[in-house]
């Protein structure tokens, strides 16, 4: 599944691998590729990194970059909705929680 043509299947498989093993590092190339390839995977990826006992340190650079980016990935040219703010704030809280957990 980590080699699936479908981005969401790869993301789900990488999260499952991390959940089973307790270590995000083996799946980090898939997670990093999904993170860069589709910003809407970031909430799913961050949620899987916040699982208790997950060793997420290898993903910290992605999270720090997200927190430091002034233009949010949910900002669309031509419009936005109030739900975009809620989703973005949830993502930022999750990024901070993963980093604080170490």
C-alpha atoms as a PDB file:
ATOM      1  CA  UNK A   1       0.000   0.000   0.000  1.00  0.00           C
ATOM      2  CA  UNK A   2       2.944   2.379   0.561  1.00  0.00           C
ATOM      3  CA  UNK A   3       3.586   2.195  -3.182  1.00  0.00           C
ATOM      4  CA  UNK A   4      -0.050   2.690  -4.238  1.00  0.00           C
ATOM      5  CA  UNK A   5      -0.791   5.106  -7.063  1.00  0.00           C
ATOM      6  CA  UNK A   6      -3.422   6.734  -4.845  1.00  0.00           C
ATOM      7  CA  UNK A   7      -2.028   9.446  -2.567  1.00  0.00           C
ATOM      8  CA  UNK A   8      -4.661   8.907   0.134  1.00  0.00           C
ATOM      9  CA  UNK A   9      -4.058   5.134   0.173  1.00  0.00           C
ATOM     10  CA  UNK A  10      -0.312   5.725   0.596  1.00  0.00           C
ATOM     11  CA  UNK A  11      -1.002   8.198   3.387  1.00  0.00           C
ATOM     12  CA  UNK A  12      -3.340   5.794   5.179  1.00  0.00           C
ATOM     13  CA  UNK A  13      -0.839   2.944   4.817  1.00  0.00           C
ATOM     14  CA  UNK A  14       2.008   5.081   6.179  1.00  0.00           C
ATOM     15  CA  UNK A  15      -0.110   6.132   9.155  1.00  0.00           C
ATOM     16  CA  UNK A  16      -1.111   2.516   9.788  1.00  0.00           C
ATOM     17  CA  UNK A  17       2.521   1.414   9.639  1.00  0.00           C
ATOM     18  CA  UNK A  18       3.410   4.068  12.195  1.00  0.00           C
ATOM     19  CA  UNK A  19       0.505   3.016  14.404  1.00  0.00           C
ATOM     20  CA  UNK A  20       1.520  -0.624  14.306  1.00  0.00           C
ATOM     21  CA  UNK A  21       5.241  -0.026  14.810  1.00  0.00           C
ATOM     22  CA  UNK A  22       5.063   3.108  16.999  1.00  0.00           C
ATOM     23  CA  UNK A  23       7.705   4.680  14.759  1.00  0.00           C
ATOM     24  CA  UNK A  24       6.983   7.212  12.014  1.00  0.00           C
ATOM     25  CA  UNK A  25      10.478   7.097  10.502  1.00  0.00           C
ATOM     26  CA  UNK A  26      10.037   4.122   8.109  1.00  0.00           C
ATOM     27  CA  UNK A  27       6.958   5.794   6.619  1.00  0.00           C
ATOM     28  CA  UNK A  28       8.406   9.320   6.580  1.00  0.00           C
ATOM     29  CA  UNK A  29       9.279   9.356   2.855  1.00  0.00           C
ATOM     30  CA  UNK A  30       5.650   8.555   2.022  1.00  0.00           C
ATOM     31  CA  UNK A  31       4.307  11.028   4.578  1.00  0.00           C
ATOM     32  CA  UNK A  32       6.676  13.756   3.395  1.00  0.00           C
ATOM     33  CA  UNK A  33       5.751  13.188  -0.232  1.00  0.00           C
ATOM     34  CA  UNK A  34       2.033  13.315   0.579  1.00  0.00           C
ATOM     35  CA  UNK A  35       2.555  16.431   2.743  1.00  0.00           C
ATOM     36  CA  UNK A  36       4.248  18.238  -0.153  1.00  0.00           C
ATOM     37  CA  UNK A  37       2.051  16.783  -2.886  1.00  0.00           C
ATOM     38  CA  UNK A  38      -1.340  17.607  -1.402  1.00  0.00           C
ATOM     39  CA  UNK A  39      -1.664  20.107   1.439  1.00  0.00           C
ATOM     40  CA  UNK A  40      -5.014  18.591   2.413  1.00  0.00           C
ATOM     41  CA  UNK A  41      -3.223  15.457   3.648  1.00  0.00           C
ATOM     42  CA  UNK A  42      -1.517  17.519   6.352  1.00  0.00           C
ATOM     43  CA  UNK A  43      -4.370  17.253   8.834  1.00  0.00           C
ATOM     44  CA  UNK A  44      -4.501  13.472   8.433  1.00  0.00           C
ATOM     45  CA  UNK A  45      -0.730  13.137   8.698  1.00  0.00           C
ATOM     46  CA  UNK A  46      -0.481  15.386  11.746  1.00  0.00           C
ATOM     47  CA  UNK A  47      -3.330  13.508  13.417  1.00  0.00           C
ATOM     48  CA  UNK A  48      -1.510  10.218  12.946  1.00  0.00           C
ATOM     49  CA  UNK A  49       1.692  11.745  14.350  1.00  0.00           C
ATOM     50  CA  UNK A  50      -0.131  12.867  17.517  1.00  0.00           C
ATOM     51  CA  UNK A  51      -1.001   9.301  18.492  1.00  0.00           C
ATOM     52  CA  UNK A  52       0.351   8.457  21.959  1.00  0.00           C
ATOM     53  CA  UNK A  53       3.719   6.732  21.887  1.00  0.00           C
ATOM     54  CA  UNK A  54       4.418   7.667  18.269  1.00  0.00           C
ATOM     55  CA  UNK A  55       8.044   8.541  17.580  1.00  0.00           C
ATOM     56  CA  UNK A  56       7.413  11.552  15.335  1.00  0.00           C
ATOM     57  CA  UNK A  57      10.763  13.328  15.644  1.00  0.00           C
ATOM     58  CA  UNK A  58      11.727  12.581  12.021  1.00  0.00           C
ATOM     59  CA  UNK A  59       8.706  14.641  10.878  1.00  0.00           C
ATOM     60  CA  UNK A  60       9.486  17.682  13.032  1.00  0.00           C
ATOM     61  CA  UNK A  61      11.015  19.634  10.131  1.00  0.00           C
ATOM     62  CA  UNK A  62       7.742  19.393   8.187  1.00  0.00           C
ATOM     63  CA  UNK A  63       5.798  20.613  11.205  1.00  0.00           C
ATOM     64  CA  UNK A  64       8.150  23.501  11.953  1.00  0.00           C
ATOM     65  CA  UNK A  65       7.980  24.611   8.330  1.00  0.00           C
ATOM     66  CA  UNK A  66       4.185  24.509   8.451  1.00  0.00           C
ATOM     67  CA  UNK A  67       4.126  26.638  11.589  1.00  0.00           C
ATOM     68  CA  UNK A  68       6.536  29.156  10.082  1.00  0.00           C
ATOM     69  CA  UNK A  69       4.668  29.551   6.787  1.00  0.00           C
ATOM     70  CA  UNK A  70       2.746  32.830   6.747  1.00  0.00           C
ATOM     71  CA  UNK A  71       0.398  31.874   3.905  1.00  0.00           C
ATOM     72  CA  UNK A  72      -1.801  29.018   4.941  1.00  0.00           C
ATOM     73  CA  UNK A  73      -2.365  26.086   2.627  1.00  0.00           C
ATOM     74  CA  UNK A  74      -6.128  26.522   2.927  1.00  0.00           C
ATOM     75  CA  UNK A  75      -5.968  30.026   1.435  1.00  0.00           C
ATOM     76  CA  UNK A  76      -7.400  29.844  -2.065  1.00  0.00           C
ATOM     77  CA  UNK A  77      -7.220  32.477  -4.706  1.00  0.00           C
ATOM     78  CA  UNK A  78     -10.716  33.668  -5.482  1.00  0.00           C
ATOM     79  CA  UNK A  79     -12.283  33.029  -2.108  1.00  0.00           C
ATOM     80  CA  UNK A  80     -12.362  31.233   1.183  1.00  0.00           C
ATOM     81  CA  UNK A  81     -14.789  30.104   3.843  1.00  0.00           C
ATOM     82  CA  UNK A  82     -14.869  30.332   7.594  1.00  0.00           C
ATOM     83  CA  UNK A  83     -14.384  26.540   7.788  1.00  0.00           C
ATOM     84  CA  UNK A  84     -10.929  27.056   6.249  1.00  0.00           C
ATOM     85  CA  UNK A  85      -9.858  28.987   9.347  1.00  0.00           C
ATOM     86  CA  UNK A  86     -11.142  26.286  11.701  1.00  0.00           C
ATOM     87  CA  UNK A  87      -9.376  23.538   9.757  1.00  0.00           C
ATOM     88  CA  UNK A  88      -6.172  25.540   9.594  1.00  0.00           C
ATOM     89  CA  UNK A  89      -6.172  26.312  13.306  1.00  0.00           C
ATOM     90  CA  UNK A  90      -6.756  22.613  14.042  1.00  0.00           C
ATOM     91  CA  UNK A  91      -3.743  21.746  11.881  1.00  0.00           C
ATOM     92  CA  UNK A  92      -1.542  24.319  13.626  1.00  0.00           C
ATOM     93  CA  UNK A  93      -2.620  23.051  17.080  1.00  0.00           C
ATOM     94  CA  UNK A  94      -1.790  19.496  16.044  1.00  0.00           C
ATOM     95  CA  UNK A  95       1.619  20.566  14.710  1.00  0.00           C
ATOM     96  CA  UNK A  96       2.399  22.289  18.012  1.00  0.00           C
ATOM     97  CA  UNK A  97       1.204  19.267  20.021  1.00  0.00           C
ATOM     98  CA  UNK A  98       3.475  16.898  18.120  1.00  0.00           C
ATOM     99  CA  UNK A  99       6.455  19.209  18.576  1.00  0.00           C
ATOM    100  CA  UNK A 100       5.729  19.715  22.289  1.00  0.00           C
ATOM    101  CA  UNK A 101       5.467  15.957  22.810  1.00  0.00           C
ATOM    102  CA  UNK A 102       9.015  15.730  21.525  1.00  0.00           C
END
